[in-house]
Amino acid sequence: MAEPTRTSKDSEDVKAEEVARTPPSALTDYVNRLSAEHRMLIALKVQLYGGSWEPMLDDLRNRLAGQPYIFKLANRIQDDIERIEEMKRFESKHGVDLADHVELP
């Protein structure tokens, strides 16, 4: 029996093509511009949240709303949320995990 023929690209193919079009220096430049606060959030993502941004964002938003949360972060909760969302967008756009490119403590 013949193998089915794909007539359109799946999301993994599209994502791989986007990553392939990303200049190699874009990741290095982005990582080099990360502030100490950004790097701390990446370390916390790996060490406390299993490498996922979502539980960390949930904790921060719950804290802002006065609901239970797991880990007490700095007083700059809204700033941290914005930093995380920016890094999530970068990771998604470039198909990377910044924790693989930032030296963790």
Protein backbone atom coordinates (compact mmCIF):
# COMPACT_ATOMS: atom_id res chain seq x y z
CA MET A 1 0.00 0.00 0.00
CA ALA A 2 1.26 3.46 -0.85
CA GLU A 3 2.11 5.99 1.86
CA PRO A 4 -0.30 8.94 2.12
CA THR A 5 0.94 12.08 0.44
CA ARG A 6 1.01 15.27 2.46
CA THR A 7 -0.42 18.20 0.58
CA SER A 8 0.14 20.90 3.17
CA LYS A 9 2.69 21.72 5.83
CA ASP A 10 1.96 20.85 9.44
CA SER A 11 2.73 23.27 12.25
CA GLU A 12 6.05 21.57 13.04
CA ASP A 13 7.25 22.08 9.46
CA VAL A 14 6.25 25.74 9.55
CA LYS A 15 7.93 26.26 12.93
CA ALA A 16 11.13 24.54 11.71
CA GLU A 17 11.19 26.80 8.65
CA GLU A 18 10.76 29.90 10.83
CA VAL A 19 13.64 28.81 13.04
CA ALA A 20 15.77 28.10 9.98
CA ARG A 21 15.14 31.66 8.74
CA THR A 22 16.17 33.17 12.08
CA PRO A 23 19.66 34.63 11.84
CA PRO A 24 22.00 32.66 14.13
CA SER A 25 23.00 35.86 15.89
CA ALA A 26 19.40 36.74 16.85
CA LEU A 27 19.39 34.24 19.71
CA THR A 28 22.86 35.22 20.90
CA ASP A 29 22.00 38.92 20.72
CA TYR A 30 18.76 38.38 22.64
CA VAL A 31 20.42 36.29 25.35
CA ASN A 32 23.25 38.80 25.73
CA ARG A 33 20.72 41.61 26.29
CA LEU A 34 18.81 39.77 29.05
CA SER A 35 18.88 41.64 32.35
CA ALA A 36 19.68 40.03 35.69
CA GLU A 37 15.93 39.99 36.39
CA HIS A 38 15.24 38.11 33.15
CA ARG A 39 17.96 35.57 33.94
CA MET A 40 16.58 35.07 37.46
CA LEU A 41 13.15 34.32 36.01
CA ILE A 42 14.64 31.76 33.61
CA ALA A 43 16.45 30.07 36.53
CA LEU A 44 13.23 30.00 38.58
CA LYS A 45 11.34 28.56 35.61
CA VAL A 46 13.77 25.65 35.46
CA GLN A 47 14.32 25.10 39.17
CA LEU A 48 10.83 25.65 40.60
CA TYR A 49 8.36 25.27 37.75
CA GLY A 50 9.61 22.29 35.77
CA GLY A 51 10.80 24.39 32.85
CA SER A 52 7.36 25.84 32.10
CA TRP A 53 6.32 29.48 32.09
CA GLU A 54 2.60 28.86 32.65
CA PRO A 55 2.68 27.78 36.34
CA MET A 56 4.98 30.69 37.10
CA LEU A 57 2.65 33.15 35.40
CA ASP A 58 -0.29 31.59 37.25
CA ASP A 59 1.54 32.10 40.58
CA LEU A 60 2.26 35.74 39.82
CA ARG A 61 -1.26 36.48 38.65
CA ASN A 62 -2.74 34.68 41.69
CA ARG A 63 -0.55 36.74 43.98
CA LEU A 64 -1.75 39.94 42.32
CA ALA A 65 -5.35 38.78 42.73
CA GLY A 66 -4.80 37.87 46.39
CA GLN A 67 -5.27 34.16 45.67
CA PRO A 68 -3.01 31.33 46.87
CA TYR A 69 0.34 31.05 45.14
CA ILE A 70 3.32 28.68 45.32
CA PHE A 71 6.43 30.83 45.45
CA LYS A 72 6.98 34.36 46.73
CA LEU A 73 8.87 36.40 44.16
CA ALA A 74 10.08 39.99 44.22
CA ASN A 75 7.71 42.92 44.68
CA ARG A 76 7.85 43.70 40.97
CA ILE A 77 5.18 41.17 40.02
CA GLN A 78 3.76 43.05 37.05
CA ASP A 79 7.28 43.67 35.70
CA ASP A 80 8.07 39.96 36.08
CA ILE A 81 4.89 39.01 34.23
CA GLU A 82 5.85 41.32 31.37
CA ARG A 83 9.39 39.91 31.26
CA ILE A 84 8.06 36.34 31.19
CA GLU A 85 5.56 37.08 28.44
CA GLU A 86 8.29 38.72 26.35
CA MET A 87 10.61 35.73 26.79
CA LYS A 88 7.76 33.30 26.01
CA ARG A 89 7.11 35.15 22.74
CA PHE A 90 10.80 35.00 21.84
CA GLU A 91 11.00 31.27 22.66
CA SER A 92 7.89 30.54 20.63
CA LYS A 93 8.96 32.63 17.65
CA HIS A 94 12.45 31.12 17.52
CA GLY A 95 11.65 27.58 18.69
CA VAL A 96 14.13 27.69 21.58
CA ASP A 97 14.18 27.33 25.34
CA LEU A 98 16.19 30.22 26.75
CA ALA A 99 17.22 28.03 29.69
CA ASP A 100 19.36 26.08 27.21
CA HIS A 101 21.26 29.27 26.36
CA VAL A 102 21.58 31.07 29.70
CA GLU A 103 24.03 30.04 32.39
CA LEU A 104 21.94 29.03 35.36
CA PRO A 105 23.11 29.42 38.96
